[in-house]
Amino acid sequence: LAMSNSGPDTNSSQFFITMEAMKELNGKYTIIGGI
């Protein structure tokens, strides 16, 4: 469970949940939880 954004430091309410491992996202989004 991670926060969606429109660029660095733009987190608000939108989030996304991954269905598979997605290593290409590492370092790009703030993670707030996991199943």
PDB file of all heavy atoms in Angstrom:
ATOM      1  N   LEU A   1       0.861  -1.185   0.000  1.00  0.00           N
ATOM      2  CA  LEU A   1       0.000   0.000   0.000  1.00  0.00           C
ATOM      3  C   LEU A   1       0.894   1.232   0.000  1.00  0.00           C
ATOM      4  O   LEU A   1       1.704   1.420   0.913  1.00  0.00           O
ATOM      5  CB  LEU A   1      -0.893  -0.001   1.247  1.00  0.00           C
ATOM      6  CG  LEU A   1      -1.753   1.236   1.502  1.00  0.00           C
ATOM      7  CD1 LEU A   1      -2.800   1.423   0.399  1.00  0.00           C
ATOM      8  CD2 LEU A   1      -2.439   1.136   2.878  1.00  0.00           C
ATOM      9  N   ALA A   2       0.772   2.050  -1.036  1.00  0.00           N
ATOM     10  CA  ALA A   2       1.656   3.215  -1.174  1.00  0.00           C
ATOM     11  C   ALA A   2       0.865   4.428  -1.644  1.00  0.00           C
ATOM     12  O   ALA A   2      -0.232   4.309  -2.207  1.00  0.00           O
ATOM     13  CB  ALA A   2       2.786   2.914  -2.152  1.00  0.00           C
ATOM     14  N   MET A   3       1.447   5.600  -1.424  1.00  0.00           N
ATOM     15  CA  MET A   3       0.798   6.844  -1.813  1.00  0.00           C
ATOM     16  C   MET A   3       1.095   7.167  -3.281  1.00  0.00           C
ATOM     17  O   MET A   3       2.247   7.128  -3.717  1.00  0.00           O
ATOM     18  CB  MET A   3       1.273   7.999  -0.932  1.00  0.00           C
ATOM     19  CG  MET A   3       1.001   7.816   0.558  1.00  0.00           C
ATOM     20  SD  MET A   3      -0.732   7.422   0.942  1.00  0.00           S
ATOM     21  CE  MET A   3      -1.541   8.944   0.442  1.00  0.00           C
ATOM     22  N   SER A   4       0.046   7.473  -4.031  1.00  0.00           N
ATOM     23  CA  SER A   4       0.218   7.952  -5.409  1.00  0.00           C
ATOM     24  C   SER A   4       0.688   9.403  -5.355  1.00  0.00           C
ATOM     25  O   SER A   4       0.464  10.105  -4.365  1.00  0.00           O
ATOM     26  CB  SER A   4      -1.105   7.872  -6.167  1.00  0.00           C
ATOM     27  OG  SER A   4      -1.627   6.569  -6.153  1.00  0.00           O
ATOM     28  N   ASN A   5       1.319   9.854  -6.422  1.00  0.00           N
ATOM     29  CA  ASN A   5       1.742  11.249  -6.457  1.00  0.00           C
ATOM     30  C   ASN A   5       1.813  11.760  -7.891  1.00  0.00           C
ATOM     31  O   ASN A   5       1.704  10.992  -8.842  1.00  0.00           O
ATOM     32  CB  ASN A   5       3.097  11.430  -5.754  1.00  0.00           C
ATOM     33  CG  ASN A   5       4.210  10.649  -6.415  1.00  0.00           C
ATOM     34  OD1 ASN A   5       4.365  10.664  -7.640  1.00  0.00           O
ATOM     35  ND2 ASN A   5       5.023   9.957  -5.609  1.00  0.00           N
ATOM     36  N   SER A   6       1.988  13.057  -8.016  1.00  0.00           N
ATOM     37  CA  SER A   6       2.153  13.679  -9.334  1.00  0.00           C
ATOM     38  C   SER A   6       3.570  14.219  -9.479  1.00  0.00           C
ATOM     39  O   SER A   6       3.845  15.069 -10.324  1.00  0.00           O
ATOM     40  CB  SER A   6       1.137  14.816  -9.520  1.00  0.00           C
ATOM     41  OG  SER A   6       1.268  15.784  -8.491  1.00  0.00           O
ATOM     42  N   GLY A   7       4.463  13.713  -8.635  1.00  0.00           N
ATOM     43  CA  GLY A   7       5.844  14.164  -8.600  1.00  0.00           C
ATOM     44  C   GLY A   7       6.358  14.079  -7.176  1.00  0.00           C
ATOM     45  O   GLY A   7       5.606  13.740  -6.253  1.00  0.00           O
ATOM     46  N   PRO A   8       7.621  14.389  -6.942  1.00  0.00           N
ATOM     47  CA  PRO A   8       8.184  14.333  -5.589  1.00  0.00           C
ATOM     48  C   PRO A   8       7.419  15.210  -4.600  1.00  0.00           C
ATOM     49  O   PRO A   8       7.025  16.332  -4.920  1.00  0.00           O
ATOM     50  CB  PRO A   8       9.615  14.848  -5.787  1.00  0.00           C
ATOM     51  CG  PRO A   8       9.921  14.564  -7.223  1.00  0.00           C
ATOM     52  CD  PRO A   8       8.623  14.763  -7.952  1.00  0.00           C
ATOM     53  N   ASP A   9       7.183  14.663  -3.410  1.00  0.00           N
ATOM     54  CA  ASP A   9       6.582  15.417  -2.300  1.00  0.00           C
ATOM     55  C   ASP A   9       5.191  15.968  -2.612  1.00  0.00           C
ATOM     56  O   ASP A   9       4.853  17.089  -2.220  1.00  0.00           O
ATOM     57  CB  ASP A   9       7.511  16.566  -1.878  1.00  0.00           C
ATOM     58  CG  ASP A   9       8.884  16.079  -1.433  1.00  0.00           C
ATOM     59  OD1 ASP A   9       8.935  15.075  -0.693  1.00  0.00           O
ATOM     60  OD2 ASP A   9       9.896  16.682  -1.832  1.00  0.00           O
ATOM     61  N   THR A  10       4.368  15.179  -3.310  1.00  0.00           N
ATOM     62  CA  THR A  10       3.013  15.625  -3.645  1.00  0.00           C
ATOM     63  C   THR A  10       1.962  14.602  -3.195  1.00  0.00           C
ATOM     64  O   THR A  10       0.921  14.453  -3.823  1.00  0.00           O
ATOM     65  CB  THR A  10       2.861  15.870  -5.157  1.00  0.00           C
ATOM     66  OG1 THR A  10       3.175  14.662  -5.873  1.00  0.00           O
ATOM     67  CG2 THR A  10       3.776  16.989  -5.629  1.00  0.00           C
ATOM     68  N   ASN A  11       2.225  13.902  -2.105  1.00  0.00           N
ATOM     69  CA  ASN A  11       1.255  12.927  -1.603  1.00  0.00           C
ATOM     70  C   ASN A  11       0.045  13.638  -1.021  1.00  0.00           C
ATOM     71  O   ASN A  11       0.162  14.700  -0.411  1.00  0.00           O
ATOM     72  CB  ASN A  11       1.901  12.051  -0.526  1.00  0.00           C
ATOM     73  CG  ASN A  11       3.167  11.377  -1.016  1.00  0.00           C
ATOM     74  OD1 ASN A  11       3.208  10.870  -2.130  1.00  0.00           O
ATOM     75  ND2 ASN A  11       4.209  11.385  -0.201  1.00  0.00           N
ATOM     76  N   SER A  12      -1.116  13.034  -1.201  1.00  0.00           N
ATOM     77  CA  SER A  12      -2.342  13.627  -0.658  1.00  0.00           C
ATOM     78  C   SER A  12      -3.251  12.504  -0.141  1.00  0.00           C
ATOM     79  O   SER A  12      -2.990  11.941   0.917  1.00  0.00           O
ATOM     80  CB  SER A  12      -3.039  14.474  -1.722  1.00  0.00           C
ATOM     81  OG  SER A  12      -4.092  15.216  -1.163  1.00  0.00           O
ATOM     82  N   SER A  13      -4.288  12.162  -0.890  1.00  0.00           N
ATOM     83  CA  SER A  13      -5.187  11.083  -0.451  1.00  0.00           C
ATOM     84  C   SER A  13      -5.093   9.853  -1.338  1.00  0.00           C
ATOM     85  O   SER A  13      -5.452   8.751  -0.922  1.00  0.00           O
ATOM     86  CB  SER A  13      -6.637  11.582  -0.447  1.00  0.00           C
ATOM     87  OG  SER A  13      -7.050  11.939  -1.763  1.00  0.00           O
ATOM     88  N   GLN A  14      -4.638  10.024  -2.572  1.00  0.00           N
ATOM     89  CA  GLN A  14      -4.620   8.905  -3.506  1.00  0.00           C
ATOM     90  C   GLN A  14      -3.574   7.862  -3.114  1.00  0.00           C
ATOM     91  O   GLN A  14      -2.481   8.208  -2.674  1.00  0.00           O
ATOM     92  CB  GLN A  14      -4.341   9.398  -4.923  1.00  0.00           C
ATOM     93  CG  GLN A  14      -5.456  10.250  -5.516  1.00  0.00           C
ATOM     94  CD  GLN A  14      -5.207  10.537  -6.987  1.00  0.00           C
ATOM     95  OE1 GLN A  14      -4.826   9.640  -7.752  1.00  0.00           O
ATOM     96  NE2 GLN A  14      -5.420  11.775  -7.386  1.00  0.00           N
ATOM     97  N   PHE A  15      -3.937   6.598  -3.309  1.00  0.00           N
ATOM     98  CA  PHE A  15      -3.032   5.502  -2.985  1.00  0.00           C
ATOM     99  C   PHE A  15      -3.148   4.426  -4.056  1.00  0.00           C
ATOM    100  O   PHE A  15      -4.073   4.433  -4.874  1.00  0.00           O
ATOM    101  CB  PHE A  15      -3.384   4.903  -1.611  1.00  0.00           C
ATOM    102  CG  PHE A  15      -4.784   4.338  -1.540  1.00  0.00           C
ATOM    103  CD1 PHE A  15      -5.059   3.055  -2.005  1.00  0.00           C
ATOM    104  CD2 PHE A  15      -5.821   5.101  -1.023  1.00  0.00           C
ATOM    105  CE1 PHE A  15      -6.347   2.544  -1.963  1.00  0.00           C
ATOM    106  CE2 PHE A  15      -7.116   4.589  -0.978  1.00  0.00           C
ATOM    107  CZ  PHE A  15      -7.383   3.311  -1.444  1.00  0.00           C
ATOM    108  N   PHE A  16      -2.213   3.501  -4.036  1.00  0.00           N
ATOM    109  CA  PHE A  16      -2.326   2.336  -4.907  1.00  0.00           C
ATOM    110  C   PHE A  16      -1.879   1.095  -4.151  1.00  0.00           C
ATOM    111  O   PHE A  16      -1.140   1.175  -3.155  1.00  0.00           O
ATOM    112  CB  PHE A  16      -1.538   2.509  -6.213  1.00  0.00           C
ATOM    113  CG  PHE A  16      -0.047   2.643  -6.055  1.00  0.00           C
ATOM    114  CD1 PHE A  16       0.789   1.524  -6.108  1.00  0.00           C
ATOM    115  CD2 PHE A  16       0.544   3.895  -5.867  1.00  0.00           C
ATOM    116  CE1 PHE A  16       2.152   1.642  -5.989  1.00  0.00           C
ATOM    117  CE2 PHE A  16       1.923   4.024  -5.755  1.00  0.00           C
ATOM    118  CZ  PHE A  16       2.728   2.892  -5.810  1.00  0.00           C
ATOM    119  N   ILE A  17      -2.355  -0.055  -4.622  1.00  0.00           N
ATOM    120  CA  ILE A  17      -2.035  -1.341  -4.006  1.00  0.00           C
ATOM    121  C   ILE A  17      -1.497  -2.252  -5.098  1.00  0.00           C
ATOM    122  O   ILE A  17      -2.136  -2.399  -6.148  1.00  0.00           O
ATOM    123  CB  ILE A  17      -3.283  -1.992  -3.370  1.00  0.00           C
ATOM    124  CG1 ILE A  17      -4.054  -0.995  -2.497  1.00  0.00           C
ATOM    125  CG2 ILE A  17      -2.883  -3.218  -2.552  1.00  0.00           C
ATOM    126  CD1 ILE A  17      -5.469  -1.452  -2.153  1.00  0.00           C
ATOM    127  N   THR A  18      -0.356  -2.853  -4.864  1.00  0.00           N
ATOM    128  CA  THR A  18       0.255  -3.699  -5.890  1.00  0.00           C
ATOM    129  C   THR A  18      -0.258  -5.137  -5.801  1.00  0.00           C
ATOM    130  O   THR A  18      -0.470  -5.674  -4.715  1.00  0.00           O
ATOM    131  CB  THR A  18       1.782  -3.706  -5.759  1.00  0.00           C
ATOM    132  OG1 THR A  18       2.152  -4.206  -4.461  1.00  0.00           O
ATOM    133  CG2 THR A  18       2.344  -2.303  -5.935  1.00  0.00           C
ATOM    134  N   MET A  19      -0.438  -5.756  -6.972  1.00  0.00           N
ATOM    135  CA  MET A  19      -0.863  -7.158  -7.041  1.00  0.00           C
ATOM    136  C   MET A  19       0.323  -8.100  -7.201  1.00  0.00           C
ATOM    137  O   MET A  19       0.221  -9.298  -6.965  1.00  0.00           O
ATOM    138  CB  MET A  19      -1.802  -7.358  -8.233  1.00  0.00           C
ATOM    139  CG  MET A  19      -3.059  -6.529  -8.205  1.00  0.00           C
ATOM    140  SD  MET A  19      -4.060  -6.906  -9.665  1.00  0.00           S
ATOM    141  CE  MET A  19      -5.148  -5.487  -9.696  1.00  0.00           C
ATOM    142  N   GLU A  20       1.440  -7.552  -7.665  1.00  0.00           N
ATOM    143  CA  GLU A  20       2.655  -8.325  -7.892  1.00  0.00           C
ATOM    144  C   GLU A  20       3.847  -7.528  -7.387  1.00  0.00           C
ATOM    145  O   GLU A  20       3.742  -6.335  -7.111  1.00  0.00           O
ATOM    146  CB  GLU A  20       2.841  -8.612  -9.397  1.00  0.00           C
ATOM    147  CG  GLU A  20       1.687  -9.327 -10.071  1.00  0.00           C
ATOM    148  CD  GLU A  20       1.572 -10.782  -9.667  1.00  0.00           C
ATOM    149  OE1 GLU A  20       2.548 -11.301  -9.065  1.00  0.00           O
ATOM    150  OE2 GLU A  20       0.535 -11.404  -9.947  1.00  0.00           O
ATOM    151  N   ALA A  21       4.986  -8.193  -7.266  1.00  0.00           N
ATOM    152  CA  ALA A  21       6.221  -7.471  -6.971  1.00  0.00           C
ATOM    153  C   ALA A  21       6.495  -6.508  -8.118  1.00  0.00           C
ATOM    154  O   ALA A  21       6.370  -6.866  -9.289  1.00  0.00           O
ATOM    155  CB  ALA A  21       7.377  -8.445  -6.808  1.00  0.00           C
ATOM    156  N   MET A  22       6.851  -5.269  -7.807  1.00  0.00           N
ATOM    157  CA  MET A  22       7.100  -4.251  -8.833  1.00  0.00           C
ATOM    158  C   MET A  22       8.357  -3.475  -8.456  1.00  0.00           C
ATOM    159  O   MET A  22       8.304  -2.312  -8.031  1.00  0.00           O
ATOM    160  CB  MET A  22       5.882  -3.332  -8.969  1.00  0.00           C
ATOM    161  CG  MET A  22       4.592  -4.072  -9.297  1.00  0.00           C
ATOM    162  SD  MET A  22       3.153  -2.982  -9.575  1.00  0.00           S
ATOM    163  CE  MET A  22       3.532  -2.372 -11.225  1.00  0.00           C
ATOM    164  N   LYS A  23       9.503  -4.123  -8.622  1.00  0.00           N
ATOM    165  CA  LYS A  23      10.780  -3.545  -8.205  1.00  0.00           C
ATOM    166  C   LYS A  23      11.099  -2.231  -8.916  1.00  0.00           C
ATOM    167  O   LYS A  23      11.875  -1.419  -8.403  1.00  0.00           O
ATOM    168  CB  LYS A  23      11.900  -4.556  -8.435  1.00  0.00           C
ATOM    169  CG  LYS A  23      11.778  -5.809  -7.576  1.00  0.00           C
ATOM    170  CD  LYS A  23      12.948  -6.755  -7.804  1.00  0.00           C
ATOM    171  CE  LYS A  23      12.820  -8.004  -6.936  1.00  0.00           C
ATOM    172  NZ  LYS A  23      13.962  -8.932  -7.102  1.00  0.00           N
ATOM    173  N   GLU A  24      10.496  -2.028 -10.077  1.00  0.00           N
ATOM    174  CA  GLU A  24      10.758  -0.791 -10.816  1.00  0.00           C
ATOM    175  C   GLU A  24      10.208   0.445 -10.100  1.00  0.00           C
ATOM    176  O   GLU A  24      10.547   1.579 -10.448  1.00  0.00           O
ATOM    177  CB  GLU A  24      10.159  -0.878 -12.227  1.00  0.00           C
ATOM    178  CG  GLU A  24       8.646  -0.964 -12.270  1.00  0.00           C
ATOM    179  CD  GLU A  24       8.090  -2.374 -12.183  1.00  0.00           C
ATOM    180  OE1 GLU A  24       8.839  -3.266 -11.709  1.00  0.00           O
ATOM    181  OE2 GLU A  24       6.929  -2.582 -12.572  1.00  0.00           O
ATOM    182  N   LEU A  25       9.376   0.230  -9.090  1.00  0.00           N
ATOM    183  CA  LEU A  25       8.805   1.350  -8.334  1.00  0.00           C
ATOM    184  C   LEU A  25       9.648   1.732  -7.120  1.00  0.00           C
ATOM    185  O   LEU A  25       9.376   2.743  -6.475  1.00  0.00           O
ATOM    186  CB  LEU A  25       7.382   1.003  -7.872  1.00  0.00           C
ATOM    187  CG  LEU A  25       6.359   0.671  -8.959  1.00  0.00           C
ATOM    188  CD1 LEU A  25       4.989   0.417  -8.338  1.00  0.00           C
ATOM    189  CD2 LEU A  25       6.267   1.787  -9.993  1.00  0.00           C
ATOM    190  N   ASN A  26      10.641   0.936  -6.801  1.00  0.00           N
ATOM    191  CA  ASN A  26      11.463   1.194  -5.617  1.00  0.00           C
ATOM    192  C   ASN A  26      12.082   2.591  -5.646  1.00  0.00           C
ATOM    193  O   ASN A  26      12.641   3.020  -6.653  1.00  0.00           O
ATOM    194  CB  ASN A  26      12.576   0.149  -5.498  1.00  0.00           C
ATOM    195  CG  ASN A  26      12.053  -1.199  -5.045  1.00  0.00           C
ATOM    196  OD1 ASN A  26      10.960  -1.305  -4.509  1.00  0.00           O
ATOM    197  ND2 ASN A  26      12.837  -2.247  -5.258  1.00  0.00           N
ATOM    198  N   GLY A  27      11.934   3.283  -4.520  1.00  0.00           N
ATOM    199  CA  GLY A  27      12.518   4.612  -4.388  1.00  0.00           C
ATOM    200  C   GLY A  27      11.709   5.733  -4.989  1.00  0.00           C
ATOM    201  O   GLY A  27      12.108   6.898  -4.916  1.00  0.00           O
ATOM    202  N   LYS A  28      10.550   5.412  -5.574  1.00  0.00           N
ATOM    203  CA  LYS A  28       9.759   6.433  -6.260  1.00  0.00           C
ATOM    204  C   LYS A  28       8.495   6.836  -5.505  1.00  0.00           C
ATOM    205  O   LYS A  28       7.944   7.910  -5.777  1.00  0.00           O
ATOM    206  CB  LYS A  28       9.373   5.931  -7.658  1.00  0.00           C
ATOM    207  CG  LYS A  28      10.563   5.669  -8.569  1.00  0.00           C
ATOM    208  CD  LYS A  28      10.128   5.124  -9.919  1.00  0.00           C
ATOM    209  CE  LYS A  28      11.324   4.847 -10.814  1.00  0.00           C
ATOM    210  NZ  LYS A  28      10.919   4.270 -12.127  1.00  0.00           N
ATOM    211  N   TYR A  29       8.039   5.987  -4.595  1.00  0.00           N
ATOM    212  CA  TYR A  29       6.785   6.254  -3.890  1.00  0.00           C
ATOM    213  C   TYR A  29       6.917   5.956  -2.399  1.00  0.00           C
ATOM    214  O   TYR A  29       7.722   5.125  -1.988  1.00  0.00           O
ATOM    215  CB  TYR A  29       5.649   5.404  -4.480  1.00  0.00           C
ATOM    216  CG  TYR A  29       5.366   5.704  -5.940  1.00  0.00           C
ATOM    217  CD1 TYR A  29       5.999   4.977  -6.952  1.00  0.00           C
ATOM    218  CD2 TYR A  29       4.488   6.723  -6.300  1.00  0.00           C
ATOM    219  CE1 TYR A  29       5.760   5.258  -8.282  1.00  0.00           C
ATOM    220  CE2 TYR A  29       4.246   7.009  -7.634  1.00  0.00           C
ATOM    221  CZ  TYR A  29       4.885   6.277  -8.621  1.00  0.00           C
ATOM    222  OH  TYR A  29       4.650   6.564  -9.939  1.00  0.00           O
ATOM    223  N   THR A  30       6.096   6.635  -1.605  1.00  0.00           N
ATOM    224  CA  THR A  30       6.083   6.433  -0.163  1.00  0.00           C
ATOM    225  C   THR A  30       5.192   5.249   0.184  1.00  0.00           C
ATOM    226  O   THR A  30       3.989   5.251  -0.103  1.00  0.00           O
ATOM    227  CB  THR A  30       5.575   7.688   0.564  1.00  0.00           C
ATOM    228  OG1 THR A  30       6.482   8.770   0.339  1.00  0.00           O
ATOM    229  CG2 THR A  30       5.441   7.439   2.063  1.00  0.00           C
ATOM    230  N   ILE A  31       5.768   4.253   0.807  1.00  0.00           N
ATOM    231  CA  ILE A  31       5.027   3.059   1.233  1.00  0.00           C
ATOM    232  C   ILE A  31       4.486   3.276   2.643  1.00  0.00           C
ATOM    233  O   ILE A  31       5.228   3.662   3.549  1.00  0.00           O
ATOM    234  CB  ILE A  31       5.935   1.816   1.204  1.00  0.00           C
ATOM    235  CG1 ILE A  31       6.372   1.522  -0.236  1.00  0.00           C
ATOM    236  CG2 ILE A  31       5.233   0.608   1.817  1.00  0.00           C
ATOM    237  CD1 ILE A  31       7.404   0.412  -0.353  1.00  0.00           C
ATOM    238  N   ILE A  32       3.196   3.013   2.833  1.00  0.00           N
ATOM    239  CA  ILE A  32       2.600   3.192   4.159  1.00  0.00           C
ATOM    240  C   ILE A  32       2.076   1.890   4.760  1.00  0.00           C
ATOM    241  O   ILE A  32       1.687   1.857   5.933  1.00  0.00           O
ATOM    242  CB  ILE A  32       1.460   4.233   4.141  1.00  0.00           C
ATOM    243  CG1 ILE A  32       0.298   3.764   3.258  1.00  0.00           C
ATOM    244  CG2 ILE A  32       1.979   5.597   3.703  1.00  0.00           C
ATOM    245  CD1 ILE A  32      -0.947   4.650   3.385  1.00  0.00           C
ATOM    246  N   GLY A  33       2.056   0.805   3.974  1.00  0.00           N
ATOM    247  CA  GLY A  33       1.537  -0.437   4.534  1.00  0.00           C
ATOM    248  C   GLY A  33       1.729  -1.629   3.617  1.00  0.00           C
ATOM    249  O   GLY A  33       2.260  -1.508   2.501  1.00  0.00           O
ATOM    250  N   GLY A  34       1.299  -2.787   4.095  1.00  0.00           N
ATOM    251  CA  GLY A  34       1.364  -4.021   3.322  1.00  0.00           C
ATOM    252  C   GLY A  34       0.294  -4.981   3.792  1.00  0.00           C
ATOM    253  O   GLY A  34      -0.152  -4.912   4.947  1.00  0.00           O
ATOM    254  N   ILE A  35      -0.138  -5.872   2.912  1.00  0.00           N
ATOM    255  CA  ILE A  35      -1.240  -6.785   3.250  1.00  0.00           C
ATOM    256  C   ILE A  35      -0.867  -7.698   4.409  1.00  0.00           C
ATOM    257  O   ILE A  35       0.296  -8.029   4.627  1.00  0.00           O
ATOM    258  CB  ILE A  35      -1.666  -7.638   2.041  1.00  0.00           C
ATOM    259  CG1 ILE A  35      -0.468  -8.421   1.470  1.00  0.00           C
ATOM    260  CG2 ILE A  35      -2.342  -6.786   0.993  1.00  0.00           C
ATOM    261  CD1 ILE A  35      -0.860  -9.455   0.444  1.00  0.00           C
TER     262      ILE A  35
END
